Amino acid sequence: MTTTEQQISKCEKLIYIGPGLSRGRLNRYSIYIGGLPIHLEGEFSQCPKLAKLFVPISKLSEAEKELEKQGTPLHKYYTEVLNKLEV
């Protein structure tokens, strides 16, 4: 279990705010309960920053503002996912 997974409560709802991945593997604003989706283990290995784009639903508004602002960590993670994964 990774550090990121340990920090996520088993009943916490996360929403994905990154770019959609090809072949329907992951869509923006998908909601997951109880942690990160296990069907994306390969993508997490290829681009660890992908996990950073799953945020608690309660923090969605703040996260979207940060995502739009260049130079912020979430903006950098989004850009890295765009460049490393097939979107």
PDB file of N, CA and C in Angstrom:
ATOM      1  N   MET A   1       0.847  -1.174   0.000  1.00  0.00           N
ATOM      2  CA  MET A   1       0.000   0.000   0.000  1.00  0.00           C
ATOM      3  C   MET A   1       0.894   1.240   0.000  1.00  0.00           C
ATOM      4  N   THR A   2       0.605   2.170  -0.904  1.00  0.00           N
ATOM      5  CA  THR A   2       1.422   3.373  -0.999  1.00  0.00           C
ATOM      6  C   THR A   2       1.021   4.383   0.060  1.00  0.00           C
ATOM      7  N   THR A   3       1.854   5.377   0.243  1.00  0.00           N
ATOM      8  CA  THR A   3       1.571   6.428   1.210  1.00  0.00           C
ATOM      9  C   THR A   3       0.270   7.138   0.865  1.00  0.00           C
ATOM     10  N   THR A   4       0.057   7.395  -0.428  1.00  0.00           N
ATOM     11  CA  THR A   4      -1.161   8.073  -0.862  1.00  0.00           C
ATOM     12  C   THR A   4      -2.384   7.264  -0.473  1.00  0.00           C
ATOM     13  N   GLU A   5      -2.325   5.953  -0.695  1.00  0.00           N
ATOM     14  CA  GLU A   5      -3.451   5.092  -0.362  1.00  0.00           C
ATOM     15  C   GLU A   5      -3.692   5.046   1.137  1.00  0.00           C
ATOM     16  N   GLN A   6      -2.620   5.110   1.936  1.00  0.00           N
ATOM     17  CA  GLN A   6      -2.761   5.069   3.386  1.00  0.00           C
ATOM     18  C   GLN A   6      -3.465   6.314   3.904  1.00  0.00           C
ATOM     19  N   GLN A   7      -3.281   7.434   3.229  1.00  0.00           N
ATOM     20  CA  GLN A   7      -3.867   8.687   3.678  1.00  0.00           C
ATOM     21  C   GLN A   7      -5.350   8.776   3.362  1.00  0.00           C
ATOM     22  N   ILE A   8      -5.824   7.951   2.461  1.00  0.00           N
ATOM     23  CA  ILE A   8      -7.205   8.021   2.014  1.00  0.00           C
ATOM     24  C   ILE A   8      -8.074   7.104   2.866  1.00  0.00           C
ATOM     25  N   SER A   9      -9.091   7.671   3.457  1.00  0.00           N
ATOM     26  CA  SER A   9     -10.024   6.895   4.259  1.00  0.00           C
ATOM     27  C   SER A   9     -10.779   5.908   3.381  1.00  0.00           C
ATOM     28  N   LYS A  10     -11.141   4.767   3.954  1.00  0.00           N
ATOM     29  CA  LYS A  10     -11.837   3.738   3.189  1.00  0.00           C
ATOM     30  C   LYS A  10     -13.190   4.191   2.681  1.00  0.00           C
ATOM     31  N   CYS A  11     -13.809   5.169   3.304  1.00  0.00           N
ATOM     32  CA  CYS A  11     -15.124   5.626   2.850  1.00  0.00           C
ATOM     33  C   CYS A  11     -15.070   7.014   2.213  1.00  0.00           C
ATOM     34  N   GLU A  12     -13.890   7.584   2.093  1.00  0.00           N
ATOM     35  CA  GLU A  12     -13.768   8.913   1.512  1.00  0.00           C
ATOM     36  C   GLU A  12     -14.043   8.861   0.010  1.00  0.00           C
ATOM     37  N   LYS A  13     -14.761   9.858  -0.468  1.00  0.00           N
ATOM     38  CA  LYS A  13     -15.080   9.950  -1.894  1.00  0.00           C
ATOM     39  C   LYS A  13     -14.072  10.876  -2.561  1.00  0.00           C
ATOM     40  N   LEU A  14     -13.439  10.362  -3.602  1.00  0.00           N
ATOM     41  CA  LEU A  14     -12.460  11.136  -4.361  1.00  0.00           C
ATOM     42  C   LEU A  14     -13.016  11.403  -5.749  1.00  0.00           C
ATOM     43  N   ILE A  15     -12.658  12.551  -6.297  1.00  0.00           N
ATOM     44  CA  ILE A  15     -13.053  12.892  -7.650  1.00  0.00           C
ATOM     45  C   ILE A  15     -11.796  13.163  -8.463  1.00  0.00           C
ATOM     46  N   TYR A  16     -11.780  12.667  -9.688  1.00  0.00           N
ATOM     47  CA  TYR A  16     -10.620  12.823 -10.565  1.00  0.00           C
ATOM     48  C   TYR A  16     -10.767  14.109 -11.353  1.00  0.00           C
ATOM     49  N   ILE A  17      -9.757  14.986 -11.280  1.00  0.00           N
ATOM     50  CA  ILE A  17      -9.836  16.282 -11.960  1.00  0.00           C
ATOM     51  C   ILE A  17      -8.815  16.427 -13.083  1.00  0.00           C
ATOM     52  N   GLY A  18      -8.192  15.331 -13.461  1.00  0.00           N
ATOM     53  CA  GLY A  18      -7.202  15.375 -14.530  1.00  0.00           C
ATOM     54  C   GLY A  18      -7.821  15.175 -15.897  1.00  0.00           C
ATOM     55  N   PRO A  19      -6.971  15.091 -16.918  1.00  0.00           N
ATOM     56  CA  PRO A  19      -7.471  14.874 -18.282  1.00  0.00           C
ATOM     57  C   PRO A  19      -8.007  13.452 -18.436  1.00  0.00           C
ATOM     58  N   GLY A  20      -8.968  13.287 -19.313  1.00  0.00           N
ATOM     59  CA  GLY A  20      -9.492  11.958 -19.594  1.00  0.00           C
ATOM     60  C   GLY A  20      -8.440  11.106 -20.287  1.00  0.00           C
ATOM     61  N   LEU A  21      -8.379   9.842 -19.932  1.00  0.00           N
ATOM     62  CA  LEU A  21      -7.433   8.927 -20.558  1.00  0.00           C
ATOM     63  C   LEU A  21      -8.127   8.181 -21.687  1.00  0.00           C
ATOM     64  N   SER A  22      -7.375   7.844 -22.712  1.00  0.00           N
ATOM     65  CA  SER A  22      -7.940   7.193 -23.887  1.00  0.00           C
ATOM     66  C   SER A  22      -8.576   5.846 -23.556  1.00  0.00           C
ATOM     67  N   ARG A  23      -9.408   5.393 -24.462  1.00  0.00           N
ATOM     68  CA  ARG A  23     -10.114   4.108 -24.369  1.00  0.00           C
ATOM     69  C   ARG A  23     -10.998   4.020 -23.126  1.00  0.00           C
ATOM     70  N   GLY A  24     -11.443   5.166 -22.604  1.00  0.00           N
ATOM     71  CA  GLY A  24     -12.364   5.181 -21.478  1.00  0.00           C
ATOM     72  C   GLY A  24     -11.787   4.683 -20.173  1.00  0.00           C
ATOM     73  N   ARG A  25     -10.451   4.656 -20.076  1.00  0.00           N
ATOM     74  CA  ARG A  25      -9.828   4.158 -18.844  1.00  0.00           C
ATOM     75  C   ARG A  25     -10.135   5.039 -17.646  1.00  0.00           C
ATOM     76  N   LEU A  26     -10.244   6.343 -17.880  1.00  0.00           N
ATOM     77  CA  LEU A  26     -10.494   7.275 -16.786  1.00  0.00           C
ATOM     78  C   LEU A  26     -11.082   8.556 -17.370  1.00  0.00           C
ATOM     79  N   ASN A  27     -12.209   8.969 -16.848  1.00  0.00           N
ATOM     80  CA  ASN A  27     -12.866  10.194 -17.299  1.00  0.00           C
ATOM     81  C   ASN A  27     -12.783  11.262 -16.226  1.00  0.00           C
ATOM     82  N   ARG A  28     -12.671  12.489 -16.677  1.00  0.00           N
ATOM     83  CA  ARG A  28     -12.639  13.609 -15.747  1.00  0.00           C
ATOM     84  C   ARG A  28     -13.939  13.628 -14.938  1.00  0.00           C
ATOM     85  N   TYR A  29     -13.828  13.969 -13.693  1.00  0.00           N
ATOM     86  CA  TYR A  29     -14.925  14.047 -12.728  1.00  0.00           C
ATOM     87  C   TYR A  29     -15.520  12.687 -12.354  1.00  0.00           C
ATOM     88  N   SER A  30     -14.781  11.617 -12.604  1.00  0.00           N
ATOM     89  CA  SER A  30     -15.198  10.303 -12.108  1.00  0.00           C
ATOM     90  C   SER A  30     -15.013  10.282 -10.597  1.00  0.00           C
ATOM     91  N   ILE A  31     -15.940   9.649  -9.900  1.00  0.00           N
ATOM     92  CA  ILE A  31     -15.905   9.591  -8.444  1.00  0.00           C
ATOM     93  C   ILE A  31     -15.583   8.170  -8.009  1.00  0.00           C
ATOM     94  N   TYR A  32     -14.693   8.063  -7.034  1.00  0.00           N
ATOM     95  CA  TYR A  32     -14.279   6.764  -6.484  1.00  0.00           C
ATOM     96  C   TYR A  32     -14.437   6.802  -4.972  1.00  0.00           C
ATOM     97  N   ILE A  33     -14.938   5.727  -4.424  1.00  0.00           N
ATOM     98  CA  ILE A  33     -15.155   5.623  -2.982  1.00  0.00           C
ATOM     99  C   ILE A  33     -14.159   4.617  -2.404  1.00  0.00           C
ATOM    100  N   GLY A  34     -13.445   5.029  -1.378  1.00  0.00           N
ATOM    101  CA  GLY A  34     -12.560   4.107  -0.680  1.00  0.00           C
ATOM    102  C   GLY A  34     -11.171   3.982  -1.261  1.00  0.00           C
ATOM    103  N   GLY A  35     -10.746   4.938  -2.022  1.00  0.00           N
ATOM    104  CA  GLY A  35      -9.373   4.906  -2.515  1.00  0.00           C
ATOM    105  C   GLY A  35      -9.255   5.043  -4.019  1.00  0.00           C
ATOM    106  N   LEU A  36      -8.037   4.904  -4.468  1.00  0.00           N
ATOM    107  CA  LEU A  36      -7.737   5.037  -5.893  1.00  0.00           C
ATOM    108  C   LEU A  36      -8.191   3.791  -6.651  1.00  0.00           C
ATOM    109  N   PRO A  37      -8.571   3.951  -7.923  1.00  0.00           N
ATOM    110  CA  PRO A  37      -9.038   2.803  -8.700  1.00  0.00           C
ATOM    111  C   PRO A  37      -7.902   1.816  -8.990  1.00  0.00           C
ATOM    112  N   ILE A  38      -8.141   0.553  -8.689  1.00  0.00           N
ATOM    113  CA  ILE A  38      -7.085  -0.451  -8.859  1.00  0.00           C
ATOM    114  C   ILE A  38      -6.853  -0.804 -10.329  1.00  0.00           C
ATOM    115  N   HIS A  39      -7.826  -0.539 -11.191  1.00  0.00           N
ATOM    116  CA  HIS A  39      -7.642  -0.870 -12.602  1.00  0.00           C
ATOM    117  C   HIS A  39      -6.622   0.040 -13.293  1.00  0.00           C
ATOM    118  N   LEU A  40      -6.126   1.042 -12.581  1.00  0.00           N
ATOM    119  CA  LEU A  40      -5.152   1.978 -13.148  1.00  0.00           C
ATOM    120  C   LEU A  40      -3.752   1.806 -12.567  1.00  0.00           C
ATOM    121  N   GLU A  41      -3.462   0.666 -11.984  1.00  0.00           N
ATOM    122  CA  GLU A  41      -2.144   0.455 -11.365  1.00  0.00           C
ATOM    123  C   GLU A  41      -1.004   0.687 -12.348  1.00  0.00           C
ATOM    124  N   GLY A  42      -1.175   0.248 -13.573  1.00  0.00           N
ATOM    125  CA  GLY A  42      -0.139   0.458 -14.592  1.00  0.00           C
ATOM    126  C   GLY A  42       0.096   1.923 -14.874  1.00  0.00           C
ATOM    127  N   GLU A  43      -0.986   2.691 -14.942  1.00  0.00           N
ATOM    128  CA  GLU A  43      -0.872   4.129 -15.190  1.00  0.00           C
ATOM    129  C   GLU A  43      -0.219   4.842 -14.003  1.00  0.00           C
ATOM    130  N   PHE A  44      -0.555   4.396 -12.777  1.00  0.00           N
ATOM    131  CA  PHE A  44       0.074   4.992 -11.593  1.00  0.00           C
ATOM    132  C   PHE A  44       1.576   4.705 -11.577  1.00  0.00           C
ATOM    133  N   SER A  45       1.970   3.527 -12.043  1.00  0.00           N
ATOM    134  CA  SER A  45       3.399   3.184 -12.112  1.00  0.00           C
ATOM    135  C   SER A  45       4.108   4.030 -13.156  1.00  0.00           C
ATOM    136  N   GLN A  46       3.448   4.226 -14.284  1.00  0.00           N
ATOM    137  CA  GLN A  46       4.037   4.994 -15.384  1.00  0.00           C
ATOM    138  C   GLN A  46       4.107   6.485 -15.055  1.00  0.00           C
ATOM    139  N   CYS A  47       3.113   6.989 -14.341  1.00  0.00           N
ATOM    140  CA  CYS A  47       3.047   8.418 -14.012  1.00  0.00           C
ATOM    141  C   CYS A  47       2.490   8.581 -12.595  1.00  0.00           C
ATOM    142  N   PRO A  48       3.352   8.535 -11.580  1.00  0.00           N
ATOM    143  CA  PRO A  48       2.894   8.612 -10.188  1.00  0.00           C
ATOM    144  C   PRO A  48       2.086   9.870  -9.856  1.00  0.00           C
ATOM    145  N   LYS A  49       2.287  10.944 -10.590  1.00  0.00           N
ATOM    146  CA  LYS A  49       1.560  12.190 -10.315  1.00  0.00           C
ATOM    147  C   LYS A  49       0.078  12.056 -10.636  1.00  0.00           C
ATOM    148  N   LEU A  50      -0.313  11.037 -11.380  1.00  0.00           N
ATOM    149  CA  LEU A  50      -1.719  10.810 -11.683  1.00  0.00           C
ATOM    150  C   LEU A  50      -2.537  10.716 -10.400  1.00  0.00           C
ATOM    151  N   ALA A  51      -2.011  10.079  -9.400  1.00  0.00           N
ATOM    152  CA  ALA A  51      -2.722   9.912  -8.120  1.00  0.00           C
ATOM    153  C   ALA A  51      -3.001  11.252  -7.446  1.00  0.00           C
ATOM    154  N   LYS A  52      -2.174  12.250  -7.708  1.00  0.00           N
ATOM    155  CA  LYS A  52      -2.349  13.564  -7.097  1.00  0.00           C
ATOM    156  C   LYS A  52      -3.570  14.295  -7.651  1.00  0.00           C
ATOM    157  N   LEU A  53      -4.104  13.821  -8.773  1.00  0.00           N
ATOM    158  CA  LEU A  53      -5.258  14.467  -9.395  1.00  0.00           C
ATOM    159  C   LEU A  53      -6.587  13.882  -8.913  1.00  0.00           C
ATOM    160  N   PHE A  54      -6.531  13.022  -7.915  1.00  0.00           N
ATOM    161  CA  PHE A  54      -7.724  12.533  -7.225  1.00  0.00           C
ATOM    162  C   PHE A  54      -7.823  13.332  -5.934  1.00  0.00           C
ATOM    163  N   VAL A  55      -8.874  14.116  -5.794  1.00  0.00           N
ATOM    164  CA  VAL A  55      -9.016  14.983  -4.625  1.00  0.00           C
ATOM    165  C   VAL A  55     -10.331  14.678  -3.910  1.00  0.00           C
ATOM    166  N   PRO A  56     -10.397  14.937  -2.601  1.00  0.00           N
ATOM    167  CA  PRO A  56     -11.663  14.760  -1.898  1.00  0.00           C
ATOM    168  C   PRO A  56     -12.733  15.665  -2.510  1.00  0.00           C
ATOM    169  N   ILE A  57     -13.934  15.161  -2.622  1.00  0.00           N
ATOM    170  CA  ILE A  57     -15.016  15.951  -3.206  1.00  0.00           C
ATOM    171  C   ILE A  57     -15.192  17.267  -2.469  1.00  0.00           C
ATOM    172  N   SER A  58     -14.986  17.260  -1.180  1.00  0.00           N
ATOM    173  CA  SER A  58     -15.146  18.480  -0.376  1.00  0.00           C
ATOM    174  C   SER A  58     -14.146  19.573  -0.763  1.00  0.00           C
ATOM    175  N   LYS A  59     -13.077  19.205  -1.452  1.00  0.00           N
ATOM    176  CA  LYS A  59     -12.053  20.180  -1.845  1.00  0.00           C
ATOM    177  C   LYS A  59     -12.038  20.438  -3.353  1.00  0.00           C
ATOM    178  N   LEU A  60     -13.095  20.028  -4.040  1.00  0.00           N
ATOM    179  CA  LEU A  60     -13.146  20.166  -5.493  1.00  0.00           C
ATOM    180  C   LEU A  60     -13.015  21.615  -5.946  1.00  0.00           C
ATOM    181  N   SER A  61     -13.752  22.504  -5.340  1.00  0.00           N
ATOM    182  CA  SER A  61     -13.730  23.911  -5.745  1.00  0.00           C
ATOM    183  C   SER A  61     -12.321  24.504  -5.635  1.00  0.00           C
ATOM    184  N   GLU A  62     -11.671  24.273  -4.498  1.00  0.00           N
ATOM    185  CA  GLU A  62     -10.304  24.774  -4.298  1.00  0.00           C
ATOM    186  C   GLU A  62      -9.344  24.161  -5.314  1.00  0.00           C
ATOM    187  N   ALA A  63      -9.490  22.860  -5.526  1.00  0.00           N
ATOM    188  CA  ALA A  63      -8.585  22.150  -6.429  1.00  0.00           C
ATOM    189  C   ALA A  63      -8.726  22.650  -7.858  1.00  0.00           C
ATOM    190  N   GLU A  64      -9.946  22.926  -8.301  1.00  0.00           N
ATOM    191  CA  GLU A  64     -10.137  23.425  -9.663  1.00  0.00           C
ATOM    192  C   GLU A  64      -9.511  24.802  -9.849  1.00  0.00           C
ATOM    193  N   LYS A  65      -9.607  25.640  -8.839  1.00  0.00           N
ATOM    194  CA  LYS A  65      -8.964  26.955  -8.916  1.00  0.00           C
ATOM    195  C   LYS A  65      -7.455  26.801  -9.032  1.00  0.00           C
ATOM    196  N   GLU A  66      -6.891  25.888  -8.238  1.00  0.00           N
ATOM    197  CA  GLU A  66      -5.450  25.644  -8.279  1.00  0.00           C
ATOM    198  C   GLU A  66      -5.033  25.044  -9.623  1.00  0.00           C
ATOM    199  N   LEU A  67      -5.872  24.186 -10.165  1.00  0.00           N
ATOM    200  CA  LEU A  67      -5.576  23.530 -11.433  1.00  0.00           C
ATOM    201  C   LEU A  67      -5.460  24.541 -12.571  1.00  0.00           C
ATOM    202  N   GLU A  68      -6.274  25.575 -12.530  1.00  0.00           N
ATOM    203  CA  GLU A  68      -6.287  26.588 -13.593  1.00  0.00           C
ATOM    204  C   GLU A  68      -5.103  27.559 -13.505  1.00  0.00           C
ATOM    205  N   LYS A  69      -4.501  27.663 -12.343  1.00  0.00           N
ATOM    206  CA  LYS A  69      -3.435  28.644 -12.128  1.00  0.00           C
ATOM    207  C   LYS A  69      -2.071  28.027 -12.440  1.00  0.00           C
ATOM    208  N   GLN A  70      -1.394  28.577 -13.451  1.00  0.00           N
ATOM    209  CA  GLN A  70      -0.084  28.063 -13.835  1.00  0.00           C
ATOM    210  C   GLN A  70       0.910  28.189 -12.692  1.00  0.00           C
ATOM    211  N   GLY A  71       1.761  27.175 -12.573  1.00  0.00           N
ATOM    212  CA  GLY A  71       2.796  27.177 -11.553  1.00  0.00           C
ATOM    213  C   GLY A  71       2.408  26.476 -10.268  1.00  0.00           C
ATOM    214  N   THR A  72       1.126  26.166 -10.102  1.00  0.00           N
ATOM    215  CA  THR A  72       0.695  25.469  -8.891  1.00  0.00           C
ATOM    216  C   THR A  72       0.991  23.975  -9.033  1.00  0.00           C
ATOM    217  N   PRO A  73       1.099  23.267  -7.930  1.00  0.00           N
ATOM    218  CA  PRO A  73       1.373  21.825  -8.022  1.00  0.00           C
ATOM    219  C   PRO A  73       0.343  21.066  -8.860  1.00  0.00           C
ATOM    220  N   LEU A  74      -0.948  21.328  -8.657  1.00  0.00           N
ATOM    221  CA  LEU A  74      -1.962  20.591  -9.427  1.00  0.00           C
ATOM    222  C   LEU A  74      -1.853  20.872 -10.924  1.00  0.00           C
ATOM    223  N   HIS A  75      -1.535  22.094 -11.285  1.00  0.00           N
ATOM    224  CA  HIS A  75      -1.356  22.425 -12.702  1.00  0.00           C
ATOM    225  C   HIS A  75      -0.170  21.651 -13.284  1.00  0.00           C
ATOM    226  N   LYS A  76       0.893  21.558 -12.516  1.00  0.00           N
ATOM    227  CA  LYS A  76       2.072  20.801 -12.965  1.00  0.00           C
ATOM    228  C   LYS A  76       1.754  19.312 -13.100  1.00  0.00           C
ATOM    229  N   TYR A  77       0.991  18.753 -12.148  1.00  0.00           N
ATOM    230  CA  TYR A  77       0.618  17.337 -12.225  1.00  0.00           C
ATOM    231  C   TYR A  77      -0.237  17.081 -13.457  1.00  0.00           C
ATOM    232  N   TYR A  78      -1.180  17.974 -13.733  1.00  0.00           N
ATOM    233  CA  TYR A  78      -2.059  17.848 -14.897  1.00  0.00           C
ATOM    234  C   TYR A  78      -1.227  17.826 -16.182  1.00  0.00           C
ATOM    235  N   THR A  79      -0.301  18.760 -16.279  1.00  0.00           N
ATOM    236  CA  THR A  79       0.561  18.850 -17.459  1.00  0.00           C
ATOM    237  C   THR A  79       1.410  17.595 -17.617  1.00  0.00           C
ATOM    238  N   GLU A  80       1.941  17.071 -16.508  1.00  0.00           N
ATOM    239  CA  GLU A  80       2.753  15.863 -16.565  1.00  0.00           C
ATOM    240  C   GLU A  80       1.932  14.670 -17.052  1.00  0.00           C
ATOM    241  N   VAL A  81       0.706  14.552 -16.569  1.00  0.00           N
ATOM    242  CA  VAL A  81      -0.164  13.459 -17.009  1.00  0.00           C
ATOM    243  C   VAL A  81      -0.445  13.595 -18.505  1.00  0.00           C
ATOM    244  N   LEU A  82      -0.708  14.801 -18.970  1.00  0.00           N
ATOM    245  CA  LEU A  82      -0.929  15.019 -20.400  1.00  0.00           C
ATOM    246  C   LEU A  82       0.260  14.549 -21.234  1.00  0.00           C
ATOM    247  N   ASN A  83       1.451  14.812 -20.748  1.00  0.00           N
ATOM    248  CA  ASN A  83       2.657  14.495 -21.498  1.00  0.00           C
ATOM    249  C   ASN A  83       3.082  13.034 -21.404  1.00  0.00           C
ATOM    250  N   LYS A  84       2.756  12.360 -20.304  1.00  0.00           N
ATOM    251  CA  LYS A  84       3.253  10.993 -20.097  1.00  0.00           C
ATOM    252  C   LYS A  84       2.271   9.897 -20.484  1.00  0.00           C
ATOM    253  N   LEU A  85       0.981  10.186 -20.382  1.00  0.00           N
ATOM    254  CA  LEU A  85      -0.006   9.131 -20.622  1.00  0.00           C
ATOM    255  C   LEU A  85      -0.773   9.397 -21.910  1.00  0.00           C
ATOM    256  N   GLU A  86      -1.332   8.348 -22.447  1.00  0.00           N
ATOM    257  CA  GLU A  86      -2.124   8.446 -23.666  1.00  0.00           C
ATOM    258  C   GLU A  86      -3.503   9.007 -23.324  1.00  0.00           C
ATOM    259  N   VAL A  87      -3.708  10.264 -23.687  1.00  0.00           N
ATOM    260  CA  VAL A  87      -4.991  10.912 -23.364  1.00  0.00           C
ATOM    261  C   VAL A  87      -5.817  11.108 -24.606  1.00  0.00           C
TER     262      VAL A  87
END
